[in-house]
Amino acid sequence: MDLILWRHAHAEAHPNAESGLQGDDLDLKRRLTDKGERQAKRMAAWLDRHLPSNTLILVSPARRAQDTAKALERPFKTVAALAPGAMPEALLACAHWPHAKTPVMLVGHQPTLGMVVGDVLTQGPTEHAIRKGAVWWLRHQSSDAAGELGQAVIHTVQTPQTV
């Protein structure tokens, strides 16, 4: 199974960033900046060349993640479980890791995506930094017919600057 993690591109600062206050509704409405739009388009062009046509694309309800996914111009499903602050286990459950029959791409947020990478690669509570707009493509390689044994490997890591 392939699990593709795409962190949303560069977004506006939270309106309450200076005060330290966080409001869920305000956070969900943050848009991509012009830089973020460019990042999303660059990564979407790369993904369009490499993603299998049957990839299931699941996206956080946050506007910045929605706008990032829209740059790919493929159908996607909005999943509340991918919202900011989600637990990595929830993302892996949505993706049916490692048993999904088709590739799954999750468009979401840090630090959750970085924790998913840690859970998948080390099966422990480690966290990896994922840059804004970047893609981590993970692959589960089964070692038996039932897919119960095996290992996860990094297929590729791409950033908007490297594609």
N, C-alpha and C. Protein backbone atom coordinates (compact mmCIF):
# COMPACT_ATOMS: atom_id res chain seq x y z
N MET A 1 0.83 -1.18 0.00
CA MET A 1 0.00 0.00 0.00
C MET A 1 0.88 1.24 0.00
N ASP A 2 0.46 2.23 -0.75
CA ASP A 2 1.13 3.52 -0.75
C ASP A 2 0.32 4.51 0.07
N LEU A 3 0.99 5.24 0.95
CA LEU A 3 0.39 6.30 1.74
C LEU A 3 1.15 7.57 1.42
N ILE A 4 0.45 8.54 0.84
CA ILE A 4 1.06 9.80 0.43
C ILE A 4 0.55 10.88 1.37
N LEU A 5 1.46 11.56 2.04
CA LEU A 5 1.12 12.62 2.97
C LEU A 5 1.52 13.95 2.37
N TRP A 6 0.56 14.85 2.21
CA TRP A 6 0.81 16.17 1.62
C TRP A 6 0.44 17.22 2.65
N ARG A 7 1.44 17.93 3.14
CA ARG A 7 1.17 19.02 4.08
C ARG A 7 0.68 20.22 3.29
N HIS A 8 -0.32 20.89 3.83
CA HIS A 8 -0.84 22.07 3.13
C HIS A 8 0.28 23.07 2.88
N ALA A 9 0.11 23.86 1.85
CA ALA A 9 1.11 24.87 1.48
C ALA A 9 1.04 26.06 2.45
N HIS A 10 1.93 27.01 2.24
CA HIS A 10 2.07 28.17 3.11
C HIS A 10 0.75 28.92 3.20
N ALA A 11 0.32 29.18 4.44
CA ALA A 11 -0.97 29.83 4.69
C ALA A 11 -0.79 31.13 5.46
N GLU A 12 -1.87 31.90 5.48
CA GLU A 12 -1.89 33.13 6.26
C GLU A 12 -1.60 32.81 7.72
N ALA A 13 -1.02 33.78 8.40
CA ALA A 13 -0.82 33.62 9.84
C ALA A 13 -2.19 33.63 10.52
N HIS A 14 -2.26 32.94 11.62
CA HIS A 14 -3.51 32.94 12.38
C HIS A 14 -3.77 34.36 12.85
N PRO A 15 -5.02 34.86 12.74
CA PRO A 15 -5.32 36.24 13.15
C PRO A 15 -4.94 36.55 14.59
N ASN A 16 -4.93 35.54 15.45
CA ASN A 16 -4.59 35.76 16.85
C ASN A 16 -3.19 35.30 17.19
N ALA A 17 -2.34 35.15 16.18
CA ALA A 17 -0.99 34.62 16.41
C ALA A 17 -0.20 35.49 17.40
N GLU A 18 -0.34 36.80 17.27
CA GLU A 18 0.43 37.69 18.16
C GLU A 18 -0.05 37.59 19.60
N SER A 19 -1.36 37.40 19.79
CA SER A 19 -1.89 37.34 21.15
C SER A 19 -1.74 35.96 21.77
N GLY A 20 -1.46 34.96 20.93
CA GLY A 20 -1.35 33.60 21.42
C GLY A 20 -2.68 32.89 21.52
N LEU A 21 -3.76 33.58 21.19
CA LEU A 21 -5.09 32.96 21.24
C LEU A 21 -5.33 32.15 19.97
N GLN A 22 -6.03 31.06 20.11
CA GLN A 22 -6.36 30.21 18.96
C GLN A 22 -7.86 29.96 18.96
N GLY A 23 -8.50 30.26 17.87
CA GLY A 23 -9.91 29.96 17.71
C GLY A 23 -10.08 28.96 16.60
N ASP A 24 -10.77 27.87 16.86
CA ASP A 24 -10.91 26.81 15.86
C ASP A 24 -11.50 27.32 14.56
N ASP A 25 -12.58 28.12 14.63
CA ASP A 25 -13.21 28.62 13.41
C ASP A 25 -12.27 29.51 12.61
N LEU A 26 -11.55 30.38 13.31
CA LEU A 26 -10.60 31.26 12.61
C LEU A 26 -9.49 30.44 11.97
N ASP A 27 -9.00 29.45 12.69
CA ASP A 27 -7.91 28.62 12.16
C ASP A 27 -8.37 27.86 10.91
N LEU A 28 -9.58 27.33 10.92
CA LEU A 28 -10.07 26.56 9.77
C LEU A 28 -10.27 27.42 8.53
N LYS A 29 -10.41 28.73 8.70
CA LYS A 29 -10.67 29.64 7.58
C LYS A 29 -9.41 30.24 6.96
N ARG A 30 -8.25 29.93 7.50
CA ARG A 30 -7.01 30.51 6.97
C ARG A 30 -6.79 30.09 5.53
N ARG A 31 -6.44 31.04 4.68
CA ARG A 31 -6.22 30.80 3.25
C ARG A 31 -4.73 30.64 2.96
N LEU A 32 -4.47 30.11 1.77
CA LEU A 32 -3.08 30.08 1.30
C LEU A 32 -2.64 31.49 0.94
N THR A 33 -1.38 31.76 1.16
CA THR A 33 -0.79 33.01 0.69
C THR A 33 -0.48 32.85 -0.80
N ASP A 34 -0.02 33.93 -1.43
CA ASP A 34 0.42 33.82 -2.83
C ASP A 34 1.54 32.80 -2.95
N LYS A 35 2.46 32.81 -1.98
CA LYS A 35 3.53 31.81 -1.96
C LYS A 35 2.94 30.41 -1.86
N GLY A 36 1.95 30.23 -1.00
CA GLY A 36 1.30 28.94 -0.83
C GLY A 36 0.61 28.47 -2.10
N GLU A 37 -0.02 29.39 -2.80
CA GLU A 37 -0.67 29.04 -4.08
C GLU A 37 0.38 28.51 -5.06
N ARG A 38 1.52 29.18 -5.13
CA ARG A 38 2.60 28.72 -6.02
C ARG A 38 3.12 27.36 -5.58
N GLN A 39 3.32 27.18 -4.27
CA GLN A 39 3.79 25.88 -3.76
C GLN A 39 2.81 24.77 -4.12
N ALA A 40 1.52 25.02 -3.90
CA ALA A 40 0.50 24.00 -4.17
C ALA A 40 0.48 23.64 -5.66
N LYS A 41 0.58 24.62 -6.52
CA LYS A 41 0.56 24.36 -7.97
C LYS A 41 1.79 23.57 -8.41
N ARG A 42 2.94 23.91 -7.87
CA ARG A 42 4.18 23.18 -8.23
C ARG A 42 4.09 21.71 -7.80
N MET A 43 3.66 21.51 -6.55
CA MET A 43 3.57 20.14 -6.05
C MET A 43 2.46 19.38 -6.76
N ALA A 44 1.36 20.04 -7.05
CA ALA A 44 0.26 19.39 -7.76
C ALA A 44 0.70 18.93 -9.14
N ALA A 45 1.50 19.72 -9.81
CA ALA A 45 2.00 19.32 -11.14
C ALA A 45 2.86 18.07 -11.02
N TRP A 46 3.71 18.01 -10.00
CA TRP A 46 4.54 16.82 -9.80
C TRP A 46 3.66 15.62 -9.46
N LEU A 47 2.72 15.81 -8.53
CA LEU A 47 1.84 14.72 -8.13
C LEU A 47 1.03 14.20 -9.31
N ASP A 48 0.55 15.11 -10.14
CA ASP A 48 -0.27 14.69 -11.28
C ASP A 48 0.49 13.75 -12.21
N ARG A 49 1.79 13.93 -12.30
CA ARG A 49 2.63 13.06 -13.15
C ARG A 49 2.92 11.72 -12.48
N HIS A 50 2.83 11.65 -11.15
CA HIS A 50 3.28 10.45 -10.43
C HIS A 50 2.19 9.67 -9.70
N LEU A 51 1.10 10.32 -9.34
CA LEU A 51 0.05 9.62 -8.60
C LEU A 51 -0.72 8.66 -9.49
N PRO A 52 -0.94 7.45 -9.04
CA PRO A 52 -1.82 6.55 -9.79
C PRO A 52 -3.23 7.15 -9.89
N SER A 53 -3.91 6.86 -10.96
CA SER A 53 -5.23 7.45 -11.19
C SER A 53 -6.26 6.99 -10.16
N ASN A 54 -6.03 5.85 -9.52
CA ASN A 54 -6.99 5.33 -8.55
C ASN A 54 -6.69 5.76 -7.11
N THR A 55 -5.84 6.75 -6.93
CA THR A 55 -5.50 7.21 -5.58
C THR A 55 -6.71 7.85 -4.92
N LEU A 56 -7.00 7.41 -3.70
CA LEU A 56 -8.06 8.01 -2.90
C LEU A 56 -7.45 9.21 -2.18
N ILE A 57 -8.06 10.38 -2.37
CA ILE A 57 -7.52 11.62 -1.79
C ILE A 57 -8.47 12.09 -0.69
N LEU A 58 -7.95 12.15 0.53
CA LEU A 58 -8.71 12.57 1.70
C LEU A 58 -8.10 13.85 2.23
N VAL A 59 -8.95 14.85 2.53
CA VAL A 59 -8.46 16.19 2.83
C VAL A 59 -9.09 16.74 4.11
N SER A 60 -8.27 17.42 4.89
CA SER A 60 -8.73 18.14 6.08
C SER A 60 -9.79 19.17 5.67
N PRO A 61 -10.73 19.47 6.58
CA PRO A 61 -11.71 20.51 6.27
C PRO A 61 -11.15 21.93 6.33
N ALA A 62 -9.94 22.12 6.82
CA ALA A 62 -9.35 23.46 6.89
C ALA A 62 -9.17 24.02 5.48
N ARG A 63 -9.50 25.28 5.31
CA ARG A 63 -9.46 25.90 3.98
C ARG A 63 -8.08 25.78 3.33
N ARG A 64 -7.01 25.94 4.10
CA ARG A 64 -5.67 25.89 3.52
C ARG A 64 -5.37 24.50 2.95
N ALA A 65 -5.88 23.45 3.58
CA ALA A 65 -5.71 22.10 3.06
C ALA A 65 -6.61 21.88 1.84
N GLN A 66 -7.83 22.39 1.89
CA GLN A 66 -8.75 22.28 0.76
C GLN A 66 -8.17 22.97 -0.47
N ASP A 67 -7.64 24.18 -0.28
CA ASP A 67 -7.05 24.93 -1.41
C ASP A 67 -5.81 24.22 -1.95
N THR A 68 -5.03 23.61 -1.07
CA THR A 68 -3.86 22.85 -1.52
C THR A 68 -4.31 21.69 -2.39
N ALA A 69 -5.29 20.94 -1.94
CA ALA A 69 -5.79 19.79 -2.70
C ALA A 69 -6.43 20.20 -4.02
N LYS A 70 -7.13 21.33 -4.03
CA LYS A 70 -7.78 21.79 -5.26
C LYS A 70 -6.78 22.04 -6.38
N ALA A 71 -5.55 22.39 -6.02
CA ALA A 71 -4.52 22.65 -7.04
C ALA A 71 -4.26 21.40 -7.88
N LEU A 72 -4.53 20.22 -7.34
CA LEU A 72 -4.31 18.97 -8.06
C LEU A 72 -5.38 18.71 -9.11
N GLU A 73 -6.53 19.33 -8.94
CA GLU A 73 -7.64 19.19 -9.89
C GLU A 73 -8.08 17.74 -10.07
N ARG A 74 -8.15 17.02 -8.95
CA ARG A 74 -8.69 15.66 -8.93
C ARG A 74 -9.75 15.61 -7.84
N PRO A 75 -10.70 14.69 -7.98
CA PRO A 75 -11.72 14.57 -6.93
C PRO A 75 -11.10 14.19 -5.59
N PHE A 76 -11.66 14.75 -4.52
CA PHE A 76 -11.20 14.39 -3.18
C PHE A 76 -12.38 14.40 -2.23
N LYS A 77 -12.16 13.80 -1.07
CA LYS A 77 -13.19 13.73 -0.04
C LYS A 77 -12.70 14.48 1.18
N THR A 78 -13.55 15.36 1.72
CA THR A 78 -13.23 16.07 2.95
C THR A 78 -13.55 15.16 4.13
N VAL A 79 -12.57 15.04 5.04
CA VAL A 79 -12.71 14.14 6.19
C VAL A 79 -12.41 14.92 7.47
N ALA A 80 -13.41 15.05 8.32
CA ALA A 80 -13.26 15.81 9.56
C ALA A 80 -12.13 15.28 10.44
N ALA A 81 -11.87 13.98 10.38
CA ALA A 81 -10.84 13.37 11.21
C ALA A 81 -9.43 13.86 10.85
N LEU A 82 -9.27 14.57 9.75
CA LEU A 82 -7.97 15.10 9.34
C LEU A 82 -7.78 16.56 9.75
N ALA A 83 -8.70 17.13 10.49
CA ALA A 83 -8.63 18.53 10.90
C ALA A 83 -7.38 18.78 11.75
N PRO A 84 -6.99 20.06 11.86
CA PRO A 84 -5.84 20.37 12.71
C PRO A 84 -6.02 19.80 14.12
N GLY A 85 -4.94 19.26 14.65
CA GLY A 85 -4.98 18.68 16.00
C GLY A 85 -5.41 17.24 16.04
N ALA A 86 -5.64 16.63 14.88
CA ALA A 86 -6.05 15.23 14.84
C ALA A 86 -4.94 14.34 15.38
N MET A 87 -5.33 13.18 15.82
CA MET A 87 -4.36 12.20 16.30
C MET A 87 -3.88 11.34 15.12
N PRO A 88 -2.62 10.95 15.12
CA PRO A 88 -2.11 10.15 14.01
C PRO A 88 -2.88 8.85 13.79
N GLU A 89 -3.35 8.26 14.86
CA GLU A 89 -4.11 7.01 14.73
C GLU A 89 -5.37 7.21 13.90
N ALA A 90 -5.99 8.39 14.03
CA ALA A 90 -7.20 8.69 13.26
C ALA A 90 -6.88 8.78 11.77
N LEU A 91 -5.74 9.38 11.44
CA LEU A 91 -5.36 9.47 10.03
C LEU A 91 -5.07 8.10 9.45
N LEU A 92 -4.35 7.28 10.20
CA LEU A 92 -4.04 5.93 9.72
C LEU A 92 -5.30 5.09 9.57
N ALA A 93 -6.28 5.29 10.45
CA ALA A 93 -7.54 4.57 10.33
C ALA A 93 -8.30 5.01 9.08
N CYS A 94 -8.32 6.31 8.81
CA CYS A 94 -8.98 6.82 7.60
C CYS A 94 -8.34 6.23 6.34
N ALA A 95 -7.04 6.06 6.37
CA ALA A 95 -6.30 5.55 5.21
C ALA A 95 -6.35 4.02 5.12
N HIS A 96 -6.85 3.36 6.16
CA HIS A 96 -6.85 1.89 6.24
C HIS A 96 -5.43 1.33 6.11
N TRP A 97 -4.50 2.04 6.76
CA TRP A 97 -3.08 1.63 6.74
C TRP A 97 -2.90 0.35 7.54
N PRO A 98 -2.20 -0.61 7.08
CA PRO A 98 -1.52 -0.75 5.78
C PRO A 98 -2.29 -1.64 4.80
N HIS A 99 -3.61 -1.74 4.98
CA HIS A 99 -4.38 -2.74 4.23
C HIS A 99 -5.19 -2.21 3.06
N ALA A 100 -5.17 -0.92 2.80
CA ALA A 100 -5.96 -0.37 1.69
C ALA A 100 -5.52 -1.01 0.37
N LYS A 101 -6.46 -1.21 -0.50
CA LYS A 101 -6.18 -1.86 -1.78
C LYS A 101 -5.68 -0.87 -2.83
N THR A 102 -5.89 0.41 -2.60
CA THR A 102 -5.43 1.44 -3.53
C THR A 102 -4.58 2.45 -2.77
N PRO A 103 -3.78 3.24 -3.47
CA PRO A 103 -3.01 4.29 -2.80
C PRO A 103 -3.95 5.30 -2.14
N VAL A 104 -3.51 5.86 -1.02
CA VAL A 104 -4.28 6.87 -0.31
C VAL A 104 -3.39 8.08 -0.07
N MET A 105 -3.93 9.26 -0.39
CA MET A 105 -3.22 10.50 -0.09
C MET A 105 -4.02 11.27 0.95
N LEU A 106 -3.32 11.72 2.00
CA LEU A 106 -3.92 12.54 3.04
C LEU A 106 -3.34 13.94 2.93
N VAL A 107 -4.20 14.94 2.85
CA VAL A 107 -3.76 16.34 2.81
C VAL A 107 -4.12 16.95 4.16
N GLY A 108 -3.08 17.32 4.92
CA GLY A 108 -3.35 17.77 6.28
C GLY A 108 -2.28 18.67 6.85
N HIS A 109 -2.00 18.47 8.13
CA HIS A 109 -1.28 19.45 8.94
C HIS A 109 -0.16 18.84 9.77
N GLN A 110 0.78 19.70 10.12
CA GLN A 110 1.78 19.41 11.14
C GLN A 110 1.17 19.78 12.48
N PRO A 111 1.51 19.14 13.54
CA PRO A 111 2.52 18.08 13.64
C PRO A 111 1.98 16.68 13.35
N THR A 112 0.67 16.58 13.09
CA THR A 112 0.06 15.25 12.94
C THR A 112 0.70 14.44 11.82
N LEU A 113 0.91 15.05 10.64
CA LEU A 113 1.51 14.28 9.54
C LEU A 113 2.89 13.77 9.92
N GLY A 114 3.66 14.59 10.60
CA GLY A 114 4.99 14.16 11.05
C GLY A 114 4.92 13.02 12.04
N MET A 115 3.89 13.01 12.87
CA MET A 115 3.70 11.90 13.81
C MET A 115 3.28 10.63 13.07
N VAL A 116 2.50 10.79 12.01
CA VAL A 116 2.11 9.63 11.19
C VAL A 116 3.37 9.00 10.60
N VAL A 117 4.26 9.82 10.07
CA VAL A 117 5.51 9.30 9.52
C VAL A 117 6.26 8.51 10.59
N GLY A 118 6.36 9.07 11.80
CA GLY A 118 7.03 8.37 12.88
C GLY A 118 6.38 7.05 13.23
N ASP A 119 5.06 7.05 13.32
CA ASP A 119 4.33 5.81 13.65
C ASP A 119 4.54 4.75 12.58
N VAL A 120 4.49 5.15 11.33
CA VAL A 120 4.60 4.19 10.22
C VAL A 120 6.02 3.64 10.10
N LEU A 121 7.01 4.51 10.22
CA LEU A 121 8.39 4.07 10.00
C LEU A 121 9.03 3.42 11.21
N THR A 122 8.71 3.90 12.40
CA THR A 122 9.39 3.38 13.59
C THR A 122 8.45 2.69 14.56
N GLN A 123 7.17 2.76 14.28
CA GLN A 123 6.15 2.17 15.14
C GLN A 123 6.31 2.66 16.57
N GLY A 124 6.65 3.93 16.69
CA GLY A 124 6.82 4.53 18.00
C GLY A 124 6.52 6.01 17.96
N PRO A 125 6.53 6.65 19.11
CA PRO A 125 6.15 8.06 19.20
C PRO A 125 7.27 9.02 18.77
N THR A 126 7.62 8.97 17.51
CA THR A 126 8.59 9.93 17.00
C THR A 126 7.87 10.86 16.03
N GLU A 127 8.48 12.00 15.80
CA GLU A 127 7.85 13.00 14.93
C GLU A 127 8.88 13.48 13.91
N HIS A 128 8.43 13.65 12.69
CA HIS A 128 9.29 14.15 11.63
C HIS A 128 8.76 15.50 11.17
N ALA A 129 9.67 16.39 10.84
CA ALA A 129 9.28 17.70 10.34
C ALA A 129 8.93 17.58 8.86
N ILE A 130 7.76 18.04 8.52
CA ILE A 130 7.33 18.06 7.12
C ILE A 130 7.15 19.52 6.74
N ARG A 131 7.89 19.94 5.73
CA ARG A 131 7.85 21.34 5.30
C ARG A 131 6.51 21.66 4.66
N LYS A 132 6.14 22.92 4.70
CA LYS A 132 4.88 23.37 4.08
C LYS A 132 4.88 23.03 2.60
N GLY A 133 3.81 22.41 2.16
CA GLY A 133 3.66 22.05 0.76
C GLY A 133 4.36 20.77 0.35
N ALA A 134 5.07 20.13 1.27
CA ALA A 134 5.86 18.94 0.94
C ALA A 134 5.03 17.67 0.94
N VAL A 135 5.55 16.67 0.23
CA VAL A 135 4.94 15.35 0.14
C VAL A 135 5.91 14.30 0.67
N TRP A 136 5.41 13.44 1.54
CA TRP A 136 6.13 12.24 1.97
C TRP A 136 5.35 11.06 1.42
N TRP A 137 5.99 10.24 0.62
CA TRP A 137 5.34 9.08 -0.01
C TRP A 137 5.90 7.83 0.65
N LEU A 138 5.06 7.15 1.40
CA LEU A 138 5.45 5.96 2.15
C LEU A 138 4.85 4.73 1.47
N ARG A 139 5.54 3.62 1.59
CA ARG A 139 5.07 2.38 0.96
C ARG A 139 5.20 1.23 1.96
N HIS A 140 4.12 0.47 2.09
CA HIS A 140 4.16 -0.74 2.91
C HIS A 140 4.46 -1.91 2.00
N GLN A 141 5.50 -2.63 2.32
CA GLN A 141 5.89 -3.80 1.54
C GLN A 141 5.63 -5.04 2.37
N SER A 142 4.68 -5.84 1.90
CA SER A 142 4.31 -7.06 2.62
C SER A 142 5.32 -8.15 2.36
N SER A 143 5.52 -8.96 3.38
CA SER A 143 6.42 -10.09 3.20
C SER A 143 5.68 -11.42 3.19
N ASP A 144 4.35 -11.36 3.34
CA ASP A 144 3.57 -12.60 3.19
C ASP A 144 2.30 -12.30 2.40
N ALA A 145 1.63 -13.32 1.96
CA ALA A 145 0.46 -13.17 1.09
C ALA A 145 -0.67 -12.41 1.76
N ALA A 146 -0.81 -12.54 3.06
CA ALA A 146 -1.91 -11.88 3.77
C ALA A 146 -1.60 -10.41 4.07
N GLY A 147 -0.36 -9.99 3.84
CA GLY A 147 0.01 -8.61 4.09
C GLY A 147 0.19 -8.28 5.56
N GLU A 148 0.22 -9.28 6.40
CA GLU A 148 0.33 -9.05 7.84
C GLU A 148 1.74 -8.66 8.26
N LEU A 149 2.73 -9.19 7.59
CA LEU A 149 4.10 -8.86 7.93
C LEU A 149 4.65 -7.92 6.87
N GLY A 150 5.70 -7.28 7.18
CA GLY A 150 6.31 -6.39 6.20
C GLY A 150 6.89 -5.17 6.87
N GLN A 151 7.22 -4.22 6.03
CA GLN A 151 7.83 -3.01 6.55
C GLN A 151 7.39 -1.81 5.74
N ALA A 152 7.49 -0.66 6.36
CA ALA A 152 7.20 0.59 5.67
C ALA A 152 8.52 1.23 5.27
N VAL A 153 8.55 1.77 4.09
CA VAL A 153 9.74 2.45 3.59
C VAL A 153 9.34 3.80 3.01
N ILE A 154 10.31 4.67 2.93
CA ILE A 154 10.09 5.96 2.27
C ILE A 154 10.31 5.76 0.79
N HIS A 155 9.28 6.00 0.01
CA HIS A 155 9.38 5.91 -1.45
C HIS A 155 10.05 7.18 -1.98
N THR A 156 9.56 8.34 -1.53
CA THR A 156 10.16 9.61 -1.91
C THR A 156 9.68 10.72 -0.96
N VAL A 157 10.47 11.76 -0.88
CA VAL A 157 10.09 12.99 -0.19
C VAL A 157 10.36 14.11 -1.18
N GLN A 158 9.34 14.93 -1.40
CA GLN A 158 9.47 16.05 -2.34
C GLN A 158 8.96 17.32 -1.68
N THR A 159 9.61 18.42 -1.98
CA THR A 159 9.13 19.72 -1.52
C THR A 159 8.85 20.58 -2.75
N PRO A 160 8.08 21.65 -2.58
CA PRO A 160 7.84 22.51 -3.74
C PRO A 160 9.12 23.08 -4.34
N GLN A 161 10.16 23.17 -3.55
CA GLN A 161 11.44 23.70 -4.04
C GLN A 161 12.22 22.68 -4.85
N THR A 162 11.93 21.38 -4.69
CA THR A 162 12.72 20.36 -5.36
C THR A 162 12.04 19.76 -6.58
N VAL A 163 10.79 20.09 -6.82
CA VAL A 163 10.09 19.49 -7.97
C VAL A 163 10.17 20.39 -9.19
